[in-house]
Amino acid sequence: MLHLFLQFIKRKNVISLIFSFAMLGIIGYFALSAMQSGDEGSIGVTLAKQITGLYPISRLFMSYYNFPIYYGMGFYIVLSIVVFYLFVKIASSKYGLLNTLANTKSRYANDKVSYERKSVFFALYQKELGRFLSSYMAVLNAGLGVILLCVFSICFLFNSVGQIGNSAGIENINEYLSNLAPVFIASMLSLSCPAASSISLEGKNIWILKSSPVEVKMILNAKIAVNLTLHLIGYMISVSVFMLKLDMNPIQVMNLVIVPICYSLFITVIGISLNKKYTNYDWDSEMIVVKQSLPVIVTGIIGMITLITPILLNWLFNLPIIFVLQVVSVVLLVITMGVYLTISKSNFI
């Protein structure tokens, strides 16, 4: 309110100074009145003690035993104004000298000028991350899975596991969630794959990357890193919540930590490889690339197949879900490494 009021006044600094002194005086007056009444625990007394610690001159308010309070208040105001006036006059007269001293470096300082240089990878990563965050369509669609994962995790944090089991009609809800939590996290991460459209989103500016003296592998790594950064947010929140709420054995904890990572790496590399193979630089709207492009659709289908596979193996062949998830994760990791090595060896994008 004071800021808005000062916008219409020419002497803003003077008015602000007077207002500050006045407020300080009012606080001190009420504090002193409270102390005189014997109420040592009031807010005014507490504020007065803090102010006198920061601004010793304000202790004049507390000297009402030696002279009347009005003398102390007046002396405080006059002394504060005089000190401030002297400071302004001295500082203004010596401003040139003070400014020169402030900007002068020591003669013994190191003469070598150090320039902050960013690595090529970090520059590409920043560019890719900035473009993703600046696109409403990309964040809403490619980041939907991570957003939902964070929302579900926070809701789960503030709800009882037993209450969820009663609502769902599941007796051993802790064991059920402990076994399927990795699948749930992996499914949400698989829904978020900005890498599947990151190359196509370059659009007509792709010539900048093609003409730059940067390896294709580094460009792909920057796009993969942005996707993994997005996954990391939801992963850290969800894994922490599930570990806090569920009573899991070491094998279940290992699955909870490792399985989502394997799925995240797999879906990211598959998405970037499909987008590299089926690029579309000629588009009029980002929605065509982010939602309706072939790489995005195929990546979503592959993600659903890899998620359904362990559940079907558990239902049809009665295989332990923990063991099935471990085997599937290893297979996905091997495929991921193979696909990544293949696309990183290419000389064009």
Protein backbone atom coordinates (compact mmCIF):
# COMPACT_ATOMS: atom_id res chain seq x y z
CA MET A 1 0.00 0.00 0.00
CA LEU A 2 2.83 2.36 0.86
CA HIS A 3 4.52 1.54 -2.45
CA LEU A 4 1.39 2.37 -4.41
CA PHE A 5 0.94 5.59 -2.47
CA LEU A 6 4.51 6.67 -3.09
CA GLN A 7 4.13 6.26 -6.85
CA PHE A 8 2.10 9.50 -6.93
CA ILE A 9 4.51 11.55 -4.79
CA LYS A 10 7.67 13.26 -5.97
CA ARG A 11 9.63 13.06 -2.71
CA LYS A 12 9.29 9.34 -2.34
CA ASN A 13 12.42 8.77 -0.25
CA VAL A 14 11.62 11.56 2.20
CA ILE A 15 8.04 10.39 2.70
CA SER A 16 9.20 6.81 3.10
CA LEU A 17 11.76 7.88 5.69
CA ILE A 18 9.24 9.90 7.67
CA PHE A 19 6.76 7.04 7.55
CA SER A 20 9.39 4.60 8.83
CA PHE A 21 10.32 6.87 11.72
CA ALA A 22 6.66 7.40 12.55
CA MET A 23 5.92 3.67 12.58
CA LEU A 24 8.96 3.05 14.73
CA GLY A 25 7.80 5.72 17.12
CA ILE A 26 4.28 4.31 17.31
CA ILE A 27 5.61 0.81 18.01
CA GLY A 28 7.90 2.16 20.70
CA TYR A 29 5.12 4.21 22.29
CA PHE A 30 2.75 1.26 22.60
CA ALA A 31 5.56 -0.96 23.80
CA LEU A 32 6.46 1.52 26.50
CA SER A 33 2.83 1.84 27.53
CA ALA A 34 2.63 -1.93 27.86
CA MET A 35 5.80 -2.03 29.92
CA GLN A 36 4.46 0.69 32.21
CA SER A 37 1.31 -1.32 32.72
CA GLY A 38 3.41 -4.36 33.70
CA ASP A 39 2.48 -6.53 30.70
CA GLU A 40 5.95 -7.86 29.83
CA GLY A 41 4.64 -10.61 27.56
CA SER A 42 2.79 -8.40 25.09
CA ILE A 43 3.65 -8.17 21.40
CA GLY A 44 4.61 -4.54 21.78
CA VAL A 45 7.25 -5.34 24.39
CA THR A 46 8.68 -8.11 22.22
CA LEU A 47 8.90 -5.80 19.22
CA ALA A 48 10.50 -3.11 21.35
CA LYS A 49 13.25 -5.47 22.53
CA GLN A 50 14.01 -6.53 18.96
CA ILE A 51 14.09 -2.93 17.71
CA THR A 52 16.38 -1.73 20.48
CA GLY A 53 18.74 -4.56 19.60
CA LEU A 54 18.88 -3.48 15.95
CA TYR A 55 18.74 0.30 16.46
CA PRO A 56 20.35 1.31 19.80
CA ILE A 57 19.13 4.93 19.60
CA SER A 58 15.60 3.66 20.11
CA ARG A 59 16.56 2.84 23.70
CA LEU A 60 15.69 6.47 24.43
CA PHE A 61 12.11 5.23 24.61
CA MET A 62 13.05 3.08 27.58
CA SER A 63 14.61 5.95 29.56
CA TYR A 64 11.36 7.26 30.93
CA TYR A 65 12.72 6.78 34.45
CA ASN A 66 15.26 9.59 33.95
CA PHE A 67 13.07 12.07 32.04
CA PRO A 68 9.52 12.24 30.67
CA ILE A 69 8.67 9.98 27.74
CA TYR A 70 7.88 12.92 25.45
CA TYR A 71 11.41 14.29 25.91
CA GLY A 72 12.88 10.94 24.97
CA MET A 73 10.64 10.61 21.92
CA GLY A 74 11.47 14.10 20.70
CA PHE A 75 15.18 13.66 21.31
CA TYR A 76 15.06 10.34 19.42
CA ILE A 77 13.38 11.92 16.37
CA VAL A 78 15.73 14.91 16.30
CA LEU A 79 18.84 12.77 16.78
CA SER A 80 17.80 10.31 14.05
CA ILE A 81 17.15 13.10 11.57
CA VAL A 82 20.47 14.81 12.38
CA VAL A 83 22.44 11.58 12.01
CA PHE A 84 20.71 10.78 8.73
CA TYR A 85 21.29 14.31 7.40
CA LEU A 86 24.99 14.20 8.26
CA PHE A 87 25.34 10.80 6.59
CA VAL A 88 23.69 12.03 3.38
CA LYS A 89 25.84 15.17 3.25
CA ILE A 90 29.10 13.30 3.82
CA ALA A 91 28.21 10.53 1.38
CA SER A 92 27.12 12.97 -1.32
CA SER A 93 30.26 15.11 -1.01
CA LYS A 94 32.56 12.08 -1.14
CA TYR A 95 30.50 10.07 -3.63
CA GLY A 96 33.09 10.25 -6.39
CA LEU A 97 35.88 9.00 -4.13
CA LEU A 98 33.72 6.23 -2.63
CA ASN A 99 32.59 5.07 -6.04
CA THR A 100 36.17 4.98 -7.31
CA LEU A 101 37.35 2.99 -4.32
CA ALA A 102 34.47 0.54 -4.69
CA ASN A 103 35.28 -0.15 -8.35
CA THR A 104 39.06 -0.26 -7.96
CA LYS A 105 40.68 -3.68 -7.94
CA SER A 106 43.76 -4.51 -5.96
CA ARG A 107 47.06 -4.20 -7.83
CA TYR A 108 48.02 -7.57 -6.43
CA ALA A 109 44.94 -9.25 -7.80
CA ASN A 110 45.28 -11.90 -10.45
CA ASP A 111 45.40 -10.21 -13.83
CA LYS A 112 44.01 -13.25 -15.60
CA VAL A 113 40.40 -12.67 -16.57
CA SER A 114 38.31 -15.79 -16.17
CA TYR A 115 35.35 -16.17 -18.40
CA GLU A 116 32.55 -18.49 -17.43
CA ARG A 117 32.20 -20.97 -20.23
CA LYS A 118 29.38 -23.40 -20.49
CA SER A 119 29.93 -26.81 -21.98
CA VAL A 120 28.32 -27.54 -25.31
CA PHE A 121 26.18 -30.23 -23.74
CA PHE A 122 24.94 -27.91 -21.00
CA ALA A 123 24.12 -25.22 -23.54
CA LEU A 124 22.11 -27.70 -25.61
CA TYR A 125 20.42 -28.99 -22.46
CA GLN A 126 19.41 -25.48 -21.39
CA LYS A 127 18.08 -24.72 -24.86
CA GLU A 128 16.05 -27.93 -24.96
CA LEU A 129 14.70 -27.50 -21.43
CA GLY A 130 13.77 -23.87 -22.07
CA ARG A 131 11.90 -24.73 -25.24
CA PHE A 132 10.01 -27.53 -23.49
CA LEU A 133 8.96 -25.36 -20.55
CA SER A 134 7.97 -22.48 -22.81
CA SER A 135 5.57 -24.66 -24.79
CA TYR A 136 2.18 -25.02 -23.11
CA MET A 137 1.21 -27.83 -25.46
CA ALA A 138 4.40 -29.80 -24.76
CA VAL A 139 4.19 -29.46 -20.98
CA LEU A 140 0.49 -30.31 -20.86
CA ASN A 141 0.73 -33.40 -23.06
CA ALA A 142 4.28 -34.72 -22.76
CA GLY A 143 4.42 -33.92 -19.05
CA LEU A 144 0.95 -35.21 -18.15
CA GLY A 145 2.19 -38.51 -16.74
CA VAL A 146 4.64 -36.88 -14.36
CA ILE A 147 2.02 -34.35 -13.25
CA LEU A 148 -0.49 -37.12 -12.49
CA LEU A 149 2.18 -39.14 -10.71
CA CYS A 150 2.99 -36.21 -8.42
CA VAL A 151 -0.70 -35.57 -7.72
CA PHE A 152 -1.43 -39.23 -6.92
CA SER A 153 1.65 -39.47 -4.72
CA ILE A 154 0.69 -36.40 -2.69
CA CYS A 155 -2.88 -37.68 -2.29
CA PHE A 156 -1.54 -41.06 -1.18
CA LEU A 157 0.71 -39.34 1.35
CA PHE A 158 -2.25 -37.77 3.14
CA ASN A 159 -4.47 -40.86 3.11
CA SER A 160 -4.30 -43.96 5.25
CA VAL A 161 -3.25 -47.21 3.55
CA GLY A 162 -5.91 -49.08 5.50
CA GLN A 163 -8.59 -46.61 4.42
CA ILE A 164 -7.60 -47.09 0.78
CA GLY A 165 -7.79 -50.85 1.24
CA ASN A 166 -11.28 -50.65 2.74
CA SER A 167 -12.48 -48.40 -0.06
CA ALA A 168 -11.03 -50.70 -2.74
CA GLY A 169 -12.17 -53.90 -1.02
CA ILE A 170 -8.63 -55.32 -0.85
CA GLU A 171 -7.66 -57.04 2.39
CA ASN A 172 -3.86 -57.12 2.17
CA ILE A 173 -3.53 -53.71 0.57
CA ASN A 174 0.05 -53.17 1.79
CA GLU A 175 1.35 -56.27 -0.01
CA TYR A 176 -0.70 -55.50 -3.09
CA LEU A 177 0.61 -51.94 -3.41
CA SER A 178 4.17 -52.94 -2.54
CA ASN A 179 4.24 -55.39 -5.46
CA LEU A 180 2.51 -53.15 -8.02
CA ALA A 181 3.93 -49.76 -7.03
CA PRO A 182 6.84 -50.09 -9.52
CA VAL A 183 4.35 -50.79 -12.33
CA PHE A 184 2.26 -47.77 -11.39
CA ILE A 185 5.26 -45.42 -11.33
CA ALA A 186 6.60 -46.86 -14.59
CA SER A 187 3.20 -46.43 -16.28
CA MET A 188 3.03 -42.74 -15.33
CA LEU A 189 6.59 -42.15 -16.50
CA SER A 190 5.84 -43.89 -19.80
CA LEU A 191 3.04 -41.41 -20.43
CA SER A 192 5.56 -38.56 -20.37
CA CYS A 193 8.00 -38.78 -23.25
CA PRO A 194 9.00 -35.37 -24.64
CA ALA A 195 11.87 -37.09 -26.45
CA ALA A 196 9.40 -38.66 -28.90
CA SER A 197 8.69 -35.23 -30.37
CA SER A 198 11.80 -33.24 -29.43
CA ILE A 199 13.55 -33.54 -32.81
CA SER A 200 10.44 -32.72 -34.83
CA LEU A 201 9.80 -29.68 -32.65
CA GLU A 202 12.96 -28.13 -34.07
CA GLY A 203 10.82 -27.45 -37.13
CA LYS A 204 12.36 -25.28 -39.80
CA ASN A 205 15.16 -24.33 -37.40
CA ILE A 206 16.66 -27.80 -37.68
CA TRP A 207 19.26 -26.38 -40.07
CA ILE A 208 20.89 -24.68 -37.08
CA LEU A 209 21.67 -28.04 -35.47
CA LYS A 210 22.63 -29.64 -38.76
CA SER A 211 25.10 -26.88 -39.57
CA SER A 212 26.56 -26.61 -36.07
CA PRO A 213 29.89 -28.34 -35.32
CA VAL A 214 28.30 -30.55 -32.70
CA GLU A 215 28.16 -34.32 -32.69
CA VAL A 216 24.79 -35.92 -33.24
CA LYS A 217 25.35 -37.98 -30.11
CA MET A 218 25.63 -34.85 -27.98
CA ILE A 219 22.44 -33.38 -29.45
CA LEU A 220 20.56 -36.59 -28.71
CA ASN A 221 22.04 -36.79 -25.22
CA ALA A 222 20.77 -33.29 -24.44
CA LYS A 223 17.24 -34.22 -25.53
CA ILE A 224 17.40 -37.47 -23.56
CA ALA A 225 18.63 -35.57 -20.48
CA VAL A 226 15.62 -33.24 -20.56
CA ASN A 227 13.27 -36.25 -20.69
CA LEU A 228 15.08 -37.93 -17.79
CA THR A 229 15.02 -34.69 -15.79
CA LEU A 230 11.26 -34.55 -16.14
CA HIS A 231 10.97 -38.19 -15.07
CA LEU A 232 13.29 -37.58 -12.13
CA ILE A 233 10.88 -35.12 -10.55
CA GLY A 234 7.98 -37.56 -10.45
CA TYR A 235 10.25 -40.48 -9.64
CA MET A 236 11.80 -38.90 -6.54
CA ILE A 237 8.45 -37.75 -5.15
CA SER A 238 6.59 -41.02 -5.77
CA VAL A 239 9.36 -43.36 -4.59
CA SER A 240 9.81 -41.34 -1.41
CA VAL A 241 6.07 -41.42 -0.67
CA PHE A 242 5.72 -45.15 -1.30
CA MET A 243 8.72 -45.93 0.88
CA LEU A 244 7.26 -43.78 3.64
CA LYS A 245 3.73 -45.18 3.53
CA LEU A 246 4.28 -48.87 2.74
CA ASP A 247 5.92 -51.60 4.77
CA MET A 248 8.11 -53.27 2.14
CA ASN A 249 10.79 -55.93 2.30
CA PRO A 250 14.24 -55.34 0.72
CA ILE A 251 13.29 -57.08 -2.56
CA GLN A 252 10.21 -54.90 -2.96
CA VAL A 253 12.25 -51.78 -2.20
CA MET A 254 14.80 -52.82 -4.83
CA ASN A 255 12.04 -53.25 -7.40
CA LEU A 256 10.52 -49.91 -6.46
CA VAL A 257 13.83 -48.17 -7.07
CA ILE A 258 15.17 -50.03 -10.12
CA VAL A 259 12.12 -50.98 -12.22
CA PRO A 260 10.89 -47.40 -12.88
CA ILE A 261 14.43 -46.36 -13.85
CA CYS A 262 14.64 -49.14 -16.44
CA TYR A 263 11.26 -48.19 -17.89
CA SER A 264 12.21 -44.51 -17.93
CA LEU A 265 15.43 -45.16 -19.82
CA PHE A 266 13.69 -47.54 -22.23
CA ILE A 267 10.78 -45.27 -23.15
CA THR A 268 13.08 -42.25 -23.50
CA VAL A 269 15.54 -43.94 -25.85
CA ILE A 270 12.77 -45.60 -27.86
CA GLY A 271 11.00 -42.26 -28.21
CA ILE A 272 14.08 -40.37 -29.40
CA SER A 273 15.02 -43.16 -31.83
CA LEU A 274 11.55 -43.24 -33.39
CA ASN A 275 11.49 -39.47 -33.68
CA LYS A 276 14.91 -39.55 -35.31
CA LYS A 277 13.69 -42.06 -37.85
CA TYR A 278 10.28 -40.50 -38.51
CA THR A 279 10.84 -36.76 -38.27
CA ASN A 280 8.36 -34.10 -39.29
CA TYR A 281 9.78 -30.61 -39.63
CA ASP A 282 6.97 -29.20 -41.74
CA TRP A 283 4.17 -28.48 -39.26
CA ASP A 284 1.90 -25.55 -38.58
CA SER A 285 0.93 -26.36 -34.99
CA GLU A 286 2.86 -27.98 -32.15
CA MET A 287 -0.19 -30.10 -31.38
CA ILE A 288 0.40 -32.10 -34.59
CA VAL A 289 3.88 -33.07 -33.41
CA VAL A 290 3.22 -33.48 -29.70
CA LYS A 291 -0.06 -35.42 -29.89
CA GLN A 292 -0.64 -36.79 -33.38
CA SER A 293 2.79 -37.64 -34.76
CA LEU A 294 3.75 -41.24 -35.52
CA PRO A 295 6.69 -41.42 -33.07
CA VAL A 296 4.51 -40.26 -30.16
CA ILE A 297 1.72 -42.74 -30.95
CA VAL A 298 4.07 -45.70 -31.49
CA THR A 299 6.05 -44.85 -28.34
CA GLY A 300 2.81 -44.85 -26.33
CA ILE A 301 1.79 -48.23 -27.76
CA ILE A 302 5.20 -49.75 -27.00
CA GLY A 303 5.03 -48.38 -23.47
CA MET A 304 1.62 -49.97 -22.88
CA ILE A 305 2.84 -53.33 -24.22
CA THR A 306 5.85 -53.35 -21.91
CA LEU A 307 3.63 -52.49 -18.95
CA ILE A 308 0.96 -55.10 -19.70
CA THR A 309 3.51 -57.87 -20.32
CA PRO A 310 4.57 -58.51 -16.68
CA ILE A 311 0.96 -58.29 -15.48
CA LEU A 312 -0.20 -60.83 -18.09
CA LEU A 313 2.67 -63.18 -17.23
CA ASN A 314 1.64 -62.98 -13.58
CA TRP A 315 -2.05 -63.64 -14.28
CA LEU A 316 -1.75 -66.29 -17.00
CA PHE A 317 1.20 -68.32 -15.70
CA ASN A 318 0.93 -67.43 -12.02
CA LEU A 319 4.51 -66.20 -11.98
CA PRO A 320 5.63 -64.04 -9.05
CA ILE A 321 5.18 -60.41 -10.05
CA ILE A 322 8.43 -59.41 -8.34
CA PHE A 323 10.45 -61.91 -10.37
CA VAL A 324 8.66 -61.02 -13.61
CA LEU A 325 9.34 -57.32 -13.14
CA GLN A 326 13.02 -58.01 -12.59
CA VAL A 327 13.31 -60.10 -15.76
CA VAL A 328 11.38 -57.59 -17.86
CA SER A 329 13.51 -54.74 -16.51
CA VAL A 330 16.71 -56.51 -17.50
CA VAL A 331 15.35 -57.17 -21.00
CA LEU A 332 14.30 -53.52 -21.37
CA LEU A 333 17.72 -52.35 -20.20
CA VAL A 334 19.47 -54.52 -22.79
CA ILE A 335 17.19 -53.23 -25.56
CA THR A 336 17.78 -49.67 -24.40
CA MET A 337 21.55 -50.04 -24.57
CA GLY A 338 21.36 -51.58 -28.04
CA VAL A 339 19.08 -48.87 -29.44
CA TYR A 340 21.11 -46.08 -27.85
CA LEU A 341 24.39 -47.36 -29.28
CA THR A 342 22.78 -47.56 -32.70
CA ILE A 343 21.40 -44.01 -32.80
CA SER A 344 24.51 -42.49 -31.22
CA LYS A 345 26.68 -43.78 -34.07
CA SER A 346 24.69 -41.96 -36.75
CA ASN A 347 26.21 -38.94 -38.46
CA PHE A 348 23.00 -37.14 -39.30
CA ILE A 349 19.89 -36.01 -37.47
